[in-house]
Amino acid sequence: MEEKTLFLLQFGSMLINIVMILFILFARKYIRERVAQYEKSRWLLVSAMSILVLHYILQMTFELRASGDDVGVAFNILFYAPSTFLFCYAVANLECGRDMLKKFLYVGAFGYFLILILFLVGLSVMDSFHLGAFLYAMDALFGACMVFFIFIPMREIRRTYRRVEASTGSDLHHYVSYIHSGFYLVCLMSVFLPFSIVSIKVLLFFGPVFYIAILRFVVIFITLGFNSSMLRTVDEEPAVEPEKVLLSAERSMEIERRLDSWVGNNGYQERDASLVSLSTCICVSRRDLTDYFEQRLNTTFRVWLSDIRFEAAKQMLLEHPEYSNEAISASCGFSSRSQLYNLFHDRLGMTPKEWVMRKSPST
């Protein structure tokens, strides 16, 4: 009975992975603008799931787990290790800088190399797939690698989030969901996977939870792919910035003049507006723009742009109360209606419609 249950779990897991692979691949067809880093993460996820599909096929074909729990665990580690590494690498790929990704790659490859060495040495010494103490060493090393994938990238992810938040005017909802979903998935794999592969009972409980987390991450990952402006901002590899210098009064006035001209030409209506695009448009370096917002306005690009769009939205709501909120948000450069709603709620504690109703008697 237990063997039949295990077979059904393996078969179901294989089908789920195949469906998610097809889901990820087909979604690529509908993305108009592709970002290199995002596409790299896409293929990393496909590779990770393909390894799992191969793993389940081998498990069902040769009944490895039926040969003994220790044999099944050994082969689980051999396949789960590279698969979980690729999952974690796909998550970090959109968040970490190149140096951190290199560390990720080197540690992951070295960790799997040691796992493989332990397996081969155990196979040679024990002369069978029953590896004895070598199996526990493999599982301990596997767990240590997973812990590395949780704690090391977190600093880089926070740093990247702060940079993205300050540099884009787009809605951060999908990006934040991606961060949270990816973090929870990595934690789930890192904390439970080394233990669940040891016991069939734990695996039967953990398996469905694990695949629910993966499915949620895949859906959010695909959704993020349609936000090209956000991905371009995330994808930017910031150069080493020079030490901050105080902007001169003349330079500040020149930047102010160019910003006023950009706003006057309705540049804020561009939904994909970012610090980078603004810098290119008005021919002012990112460093100078950042210093101007910080030193002269005591704010960030994101807050400054939100203020401009917010005032434009209020004016349009009063002048054209017949316009829908979708039309208002699109005309003012908001990436979604929810972004307009959230801004009104955070600043005024009411919806755009409620604000118009309150203003109408006095206008």
Protein backbone atom coordinates (compact mmCIF):
# COMPACT_ATOMS: atom_id res chain seq x y z
CA MET A 1 0.00 0.00 0.00
CA GLU A 2 2.82 2.38 0.92
CA GLU A 3 4.65 1.58 -2.32
CA LYS A 4 1.50 2.31 -4.34
CA THR A 5 1.04 5.62 -2.52
CA LEU A 6 4.67 6.53 -3.15
CA PHE A 7 4.32 5.68 -6.84
CA LEU A 8 1.22 7.88 -7.14
CA LEU A 9 3.03 10.75 -5.40
CA GLN A 10 5.99 10.41 -7.77
CA PHE A 11 3.75 10.17 -10.83
CA GLY A 12 1.67 13.16 -9.72
CA SER A 13 4.81 15.18 -9.00
CA MET A 14 6.16 14.36 -12.46
CA LEU A 15 2.93 15.53 -14.13
CA ILE A 16 2.88 18.75 -12.09
CA ASN A 17 6.45 19.53 -13.14
CA ILE A 18 5.68 18.87 -16.80
CA VAL A 19 2.63 21.14 -16.67
CA MET A 20 4.63 23.94 -15.01
CA ILE A 21 7.43 23.58 -17.58
CA LEU A 22 4.91 23.99 -20.39
CA PHE A 23 3.29 26.89 -18.55
CA ILE A 24 6.62 28.72 -18.25
CA LEU A 25 7.58 28.05 -21.86
CA PHE A 26 4.22 29.00 -23.40
CA ALA A 27 4.07 32.23 -21.38
CA ARG A 28 7.25 33.36 -23.12
CA LYS A 29 5.34 33.58 -26.41
CA TYR A 30 3.07 36.34 -25.07
CA ILE A 31 5.77 38.63 -23.65
CA ARG A 32 6.37 41.47 -26.09
CA GLU A 33 9.59 42.84 -24.61
CA ARG A 34 12.08 40.36 -23.19
CA VAL A 35 14.73 41.14 -20.60
CA ALA A 36 17.92 39.07 -20.63
CA GLN A 37 18.13 38.41 -16.90
CA TYR A 38 14.50 37.39 -16.71
CA GLU A 39 14.89 34.98 -19.63
CA LYS A 40 17.92 33.47 -17.90
CA SER A 41 15.81 32.84 -14.80
CA ARG A 42 13.12 31.31 -16.99
CA TRP A 43 15.53 28.70 -18.39
CA LEU A 44 16.99 28.05 -14.95
CA LEU A 45 13.50 27.19 -13.69
CA VAL A 46 12.83 24.96 -16.71
CA SER A 47 16.15 23.17 -16.11
CA ALA A 48 15.37 22.67 -12.42
CA MET A 49 11.97 21.16 -13.16
CA SER A 50 13.37 19.01 -15.98
CA ILE A 51 15.82 17.47 -13.51
CA LEU A 52 12.91 16.66 -11.21
CA VAL A 53 10.98 15.07 -14.09
CA LEU A 54 13.98 12.88 -14.93
CA HIS A 55 14.33 12.03 -11.26
CA TYR A 56 10.74 10.85 -10.90
CA ILE A 57 10.95 8.81 -14.12
CA LEU A 58 14.03 7.00 -12.80
CA GLN A 59 12.45 6.51 -9.38
CA MET A 60 9.33 4.94 -10.87
CA THR A 61 11.19 2.90 -13.49
CA PHE A 62 13.80 1.35 -11.20
CA GLU A 63 11.78 1.55 -7.95
CA LEU A 64 14.77 3.04 -6.18
CA ARG A 65 12.85 3.95 -3.03
CA ALA A 66 11.40 0.45 -2.91
CA SER A 67 14.96 -0.91 -2.82
CA GLY A 68 15.36 0.70 0.57
CA ASP A 69 14.75 4.07 2.17
CA ASP A 70 18.47 4.78 2.26
CA VAL A 71 18.83 4.06 -1.48
CA GLY A 72 15.89 6.35 -2.28
CA VAL A 73 17.33 9.10 -0.08
CA ALA A 74 20.73 8.87 -1.77
CA PHE A 75 19.24 9.35 -5.23
CA ASN A 76 16.89 12.04 -3.94
CA ILE A 77 19.90 14.04 -2.80
CA LEU A 78 21.71 13.50 -6.10
CA PHE A 79 18.78 14.99 -8.02
CA TYR A 80 17.29 17.41 -5.50
CA ALA A 81 20.63 19.12 -4.89
CA PRO A 82 21.13 20.48 -8.45
CA SER A 83 17.41 21.11 -8.84
CA THR A 84 17.09 23.19 -5.66
CA PHE A 85 20.30 25.01 -6.55
CA LEU A 86 18.84 26.00 -9.93
CA PHE A 87 15.60 27.13 -8.28
CA CYS A 88 17.53 29.27 -5.79
CA TYR A 89 19.79 30.60 -8.52
CA ALA A 90 16.75 31.59 -10.61
CA VAL A 91 15.34 33.54 -7.64
CA ALA A 92 18.65 35.27 -6.90
CA ASN A 93 19.37 35.96 -10.56
CA LEU A 94 16.87 38.84 -10.64
CA GLU A 95 18.01 40.25 -7.32
CA CYS A 96 21.74 39.82 -6.75
CA GLY A 97 24.68 41.54 -8.38
CA ARG A 98 27.22 39.72 -10.51
CA ASP A 99 29.68 39.17 -7.65
CA MET A 100 27.04 37.52 -5.49
CA LEU A 101 25.84 35.39 -8.40
CA LYS A 102 29.39 34.18 -8.97
CA LYS A 103 29.61 33.22 -5.31
CA PHE A 104 26.27 31.47 -5.66
CA LEU A 105 27.51 29.53 -8.67
CA TYR A 106 30.85 28.57 -7.16
CA VAL A 107 29.45 27.49 -3.80
CA GLY A 108 26.58 25.58 -5.44
CA ALA A 109 28.89 23.78 -7.88
CA PHE A 110 31.45 23.01 -5.19
CA GLY A 111 28.76 21.78 -2.78
CA TYR A 112 27.30 19.42 -5.36
CA PHE A 113 30.79 18.24 -6.30
CA LEU A 114 31.39 17.24 -2.67
CA ILE A 115 28.00 15.49 -2.52
CA LEU A 116 28.86 13.57 -5.67
CA ILE A 117 32.30 12.64 -4.28
CA LEU A 118 30.70 11.35 -1.07
CA PHE A 119 28.28 9.25 -3.10
CA LEU A 120 31.02 7.75 -5.27
CA VAL A 121 33.31 7.08 -2.32
CA GLY A 122 30.44 5.50 -0.39
CA LEU A 123 29.53 3.39 -3.41
CA SER A 124 33.14 2.23 -3.69
CA VAL A 125 33.60 1.50 0.02
CA MET A 126 30.21 -0.13 0.65
CA ASP A 127 30.09 -1.80 -2.77
CA SER A 128 26.34 -1.09 -2.99
CA PHE A 129 23.82 1.75 -2.98
CA HIS A 130 23.42 1.26 0.76
CA LEU A 131 25.92 3.97 1.70
CA GLY A 132 25.70 3.85 5.49
CA ALA A 133 27.38 6.81 7.19
CA PHE A 134 28.20 8.39 3.83
CA LEU A 135 24.46 8.97 3.31
CA TYR A 136 24.20 11.05 6.49
CA ALA A 137 27.21 13.08 5.41
CA MET A 138 25.54 13.70 2.04
CA ASP A 139 22.32 14.85 3.69
CA ALA A 140 24.18 17.11 6.13
CA LEU A 141 26.12 18.70 3.29
CA PHE A 142 22.90 19.11 1.31
CA GLY A 143 21.30 20.89 4.29
CA ALA A 144 24.34 23.16 4.70
CA CYS A 145 24.13 24.20 1.04
CA MET A 146 20.45 25.04 1.44
CA VAL A 147 21.16 27.19 4.50
CA PHE A 148 23.72 29.09 2.43
CA PHE A 149 21.10 29.86 -0.19
CA ILE A 150 18.86 31.46 2.44
CA PHE A 151 21.13 33.77 4.38
CA ILE A 152 23.82 34.94 1.97
CA PRO A 153 21.62 36.55 -0.74
CA MET A 154 19.27 38.33 1.67
CA ARG A 155 21.55 41.37 2.02
CA GLU A 156 21.79 41.70 -1.75
CA ILE A 157 18.04 41.33 -2.19
CA ARG A 158 17.36 44.12 0.33
CA ARG A 159 19.94 46.34 -1.36
CA THR A 160 18.43 45.73 -4.79
CA TYR A 161 14.93 46.39 -3.50
CA ARG A 162 15.97 49.77 -2.07
CA ARG A 163 17.56 50.71 -5.39
CA VAL A 164 14.54 49.62 -7.42
CA GLU A 165 12.11 51.36 -5.09
CA ALA A 166 13.97 54.66 -5.47
CA SER A 167 14.53 54.39 -9.24
CA THR A 168 11.15 53.46 -10.73
CA GLY A 169 7.70 54.98 -10.87
CA SER A 170 5.99 51.67 -11.65
CA ASP A 171 3.78 49.65 -9.34
CA LEU A 172 5.99 47.48 -7.13
CA HIS A 173 3.25 44.98 -6.24
CA HIS A 174 4.33 42.17 -8.59
CA TYR A 175 8.00 42.70 -7.81
CA VAL A 176 7.41 42.57 -4.06
CA SER A 177 5.26 39.46 -4.50
CA TYR A 178 8.11 37.85 -6.44
CA ILE A 179 10.59 38.62 -3.65
CA HIS A 180 8.32 37.28 -0.93
CA SER A 181 7.26 34.19 -2.88
CA GLY A 182 10.85 33.41 -3.85
CA PHE A 183 12.06 33.87 -0.29
CA TYR A 184 9.37 31.59 1.14
CA LEU A 185 10.09 28.96 -1.51
CA VAL A 186 13.82 29.00 -0.81
CA CYS A 187 13.21 28.81 2.94
CA LEU A 188 10.80 25.91 2.46
CA MET A 189 13.30 23.98 0.38
CA SER A 190 16.22 24.79 2.65
CA VAL A 191 14.58 23.98 5.98
CA PHE A 192 12.36 20.99 5.19
CA LEU A 193 13.79 19.28 2.12
CA PRO A 194 16.87 17.75 3.81
CA PHE A 195 14.55 16.18 6.41
CA SER A 196 11.62 15.21 4.23
CA ILE A 197 13.67 13.03 1.89
CA VAL A 198 14.67 10.81 4.82
CA SER A 199 11.13 9.73 5.70
CA ILE A 200 8.36 8.66 3.32
CA LYS A 201 5.70 9.81 5.79
CA VAL A 202 7.23 13.28 6.01
CA LEU A 203 7.61 13.32 2.22
CA LEU A 204 3.94 12.46 1.72
CA PHE A 205 2.98 15.43 3.88
CA PHE A 206 5.62 17.82 2.61
CA GLY A 207 5.30 17.02 -1.11
CA PRO A 208 1.92 18.74 -1.73
CA VAL A 209 2.96 21.77 0.35
CA PHE A 210 6.19 22.01 -1.59
CA TYR A 211 4.45 21.96 -4.96
CA ILE A 212 1.84 24.50 -3.89
CA ALA A 213 4.73 26.85 -3.05
CA ILE A 214 6.40 26.17 -6.40
CA LEU A 215 3.15 26.70 -8.30
CA ARG A 216 2.57 30.02 -6.53
CA PHE A 217 6.11 31.13 -7.35
CA VAL A 218 5.76 30.13 -11.02
CA VAL A 219 2.51 32.10 -11.40
CA ILE A 220 4.07 35.22 -9.82
CA PHE A 221 7.24 34.76 -11.89
CA ILE A 222 5.23 34.67 -15.12
CA THR A 223 3.20 37.72 -14.06
CA LEU A 224 6.40 39.64 -13.38
CA GLY A 225 7.57 38.88 -16.91
CA PHE A 226 4.90 41.19 -18.37
CA ASN A 227 6.29 44.18 -16.44
CA SER A 228 9.26 44.97 -18.69
CA SER A 229 9.97 48.40 -17.19
CA MET A 230 10.30 46.93 -13.72
CA LEU A 231 12.55 44.16 -15.00
CA ARG A 232 14.81 46.63 -16.78
CA THR A 233 15.22 48.56 -13.53
CA VAL A 234 16.02 45.38 -11.62
CA ASP A 235 18.37 44.27 -14.37
CA GLU A 236 20.52 47.39 -14.18
CA GLU A 237 23.89 46.57 -12.69
CA PRO A 238 24.86 49.72 -10.79
CA ALA A 239 28.43 50.79 -11.28
CA VAL A 240 30.62 51.72 -8.33
CA GLU A 241 29.44 55.23 -7.56
CA PRO A 242 31.89 57.99 -6.71
CA GLU A 243 31.67 59.77 -3.39
CA LYS A 244 28.78 62.15 -3.13
CA VAL A 245 29.52 65.81 -3.79
CA LEU A 246 27.41 68.84 -3.05
CA LEU A 247 25.69 70.15 -6.16
CA SER A 248 26.41 73.76 -6.96
CA ALA A 249 23.56 76.26 -7.09
CA GLU A 250 24.08 76.68 -10.82
CA ARG A 251 23.93 72.93 -11.46
CA SER A 252 20.81 72.59 -9.30
CA MET A 253 19.06 75.37 -11.20
CA GLU A 254 19.96 73.74 -14.52
CA ILE A 255 18.58 70.37 -13.38
CA GLU A 256 15.44 72.07 -12.05
CA ARG A 257 14.90 73.80 -15.38
CA ARG A 258 15.25 70.55 -17.30
CA LEU A 259 12.91 68.71 -14.93
CA ASP A 260 10.30 71.45 -15.27
CA SER A 261 10.57 71.18 -19.04
CA TRP A 262 10.13 67.39 -18.84
CA VAL A 263 7.05 67.74 -16.66
CA GLY A 264 5.69 70.51 -18.89
CA ASN A 265 5.98 68.18 -21.88
CA ASN A 266 3.97 65.56 -19.94
CA GLY A 267 6.92 63.20 -19.55
CA TYR A 268 5.33 61.93 -16.33
CA GLN A 269 2.60 60.32 -18.44
CA GLU A 270 5.05 57.63 -19.57
CA ARG A 271 4.12 54.51 -17.62
CA ASP A 272 7.65 53.15 -17.92
CA ALA A 273 9.32 56.30 -16.57
CA SER A 274 12.32 55.53 -14.41
CA LEU A 275 15.38 57.31 -13.11
CA VAL A 276 17.36 55.86 -16.01
CA SER A 277 14.91 56.94 -18.71
CA LEU A 278 14.60 60.40 -17.14
CA SER A 279 18.39 60.72 -17.02
CA THR A 280 18.64 59.88 -20.71
CA CYS A 281 15.76 62.15 -21.70
CA ILE A 282 17.00 65.33 -19.99
CA CYS A 283 20.73 64.57 -20.44
CA VAL A 284 21.58 64.60 -16.73
CA SER A 285 23.55 61.80 -15.12
CA ARG A 286 21.85 59.45 -12.69
CA ARG A 287 24.30 60.51 -10.00
CA ASP A 288 23.42 64.19 -10.40
CA LEU A 289 19.70 63.44 -10.48
CA THR A 290 19.91 61.32 -7.34
CA ASP A 291 21.95 64.02 -5.58
CA TYR A 292 19.46 66.68 -6.68
CA PHE A 293 16.47 64.78 -5.29
CA GLU A 294 18.29 64.02 -2.05
CA GLN A 295 20.03 67.35 -1.47
CA ARG A 296 17.57 69.89 -2.90
CA LEU A 297 14.19 68.19 -2.56
CA ASN A 298 14.95 65.81 0.31
CA THR A 299 13.14 63.00 -1.50
CA THR A 300 13.62 60.23 -4.07
CA PHE A 301 12.73 60.00 -7.74
CA ARG A 302 9.81 57.66 -6.96
CA VAL A 303 8.22 60.00 -4.42
CA TRP A 304 8.83 63.06 -6.63
CA LEU A 305 7.18 61.38 -9.62
CA SER A 306 4.28 60.15 -7.48
CA ASP A 307 3.66 63.71 -6.26
CA ILE A 308 3.49 65.01 -9.83
CA ARG A 309 1.19 62.23 -11.00
CA PHE A 310 -0.97 62.62 -7.91
CA GLU A 311 -1.52 66.34 -8.53
CA ALA A 312 -2.23 65.69 -12.21
CA ALA A 313 -4.76 63.01 -11.28
CA LYS A 314 -6.55 65.33 -8.84
CA GLN A 315 -6.78 68.06 -11.45
CA MET A 316 -8.08 65.65 -14.09
CA LEU A 317 -10.65 64.21 -11.69
CA LEU A 318 -12.04 67.68 -11.01
CA GLU A 319 -12.01 68.79 -14.65
CA HIS A 320 -13.37 65.53 -16.05
CA PRO A 321 -15.48 63.74 -13.42
CA GLU A 322 -16.99 61.65 -16.21
CA TYR A 323 -13.65 59.91 -16.84
CA SER A 324 -13.19 56.43 -15.41
CA ASN A 325 -10.44 55.72 -12.92
CA GLU A 326 -8.76 53.52 -15.55
CA ALA A 327 -8.61 56.48 -17.95
CA ILE A 328 -7.32 58.80 -15.23
CA SER A 329 -4.59 56.41 -14.11
CA ALA A 330 -3.48 55.73 -17.70
CA SER A 331 -3.44 59.45 -18.60
CA CYS A 332 -1.34 60.33 -15.56
CA GLY A 333 1.24 57.58 -16.06
CA PHE A 334 0.19 55.15 -13.34
CA SER A 335 0.97 51.56 -14.24
CA SER A 336 -2.37 50.34 -12.89
CA ARG A 337 -5.63 51.54 -11.41
CA SER A 338 -4.65 49.98 -8.10
CA GLN A 339 -1.59 52.23 -7.94
CA LEU A 340 -3.86 55.29 -8.19
CA TYR A 341 -6.21 53.88 -5.55
CA ASN A 342 -3.36 53.09 -3.18
CA LEU A 343 -1.91 56.58 -3.55
CA PHE A 344 -5.22 58.26 -2.71
CA HIS A 345 -5.79 55.90 0.20
CA ASP A 346 -2.29 56.46 1.64
CA ARG A 347 -2.33 60.24 1.28
CA LEU A 348 -5.98 61.17 1.77
CA GLY A 349 -7.51 58.10 3.38
CA MET A 350 -10.19 57.81 0.70
CA THR A 351 -10.79 56.63 -2.86
CA PRO A 352 -10.60 58.97 -5.88
CA LYS A 353 -14.40 58.89 -6.19
CA GLU A 354 -14.87 59.81 -2.53
CA TRP A 355 -12.40 62.67 -2.90
CA VAL A 356 -14.26 64.06 -5.93
CA MET A 357 -17.58 63.88 -4.07
CA ARG A 358 -16.12 65.85 -1.18
CA LYS A 359 -14.61 68.46 -3.47
CA SER A 360 -17.68 68.87 -5.70
CA PRO A 361 -19.75 71.12 -3.38
CA SER A 362 -16.96 73.65 -3.15
CA THR A 363 -16.10 73.73 -6.84
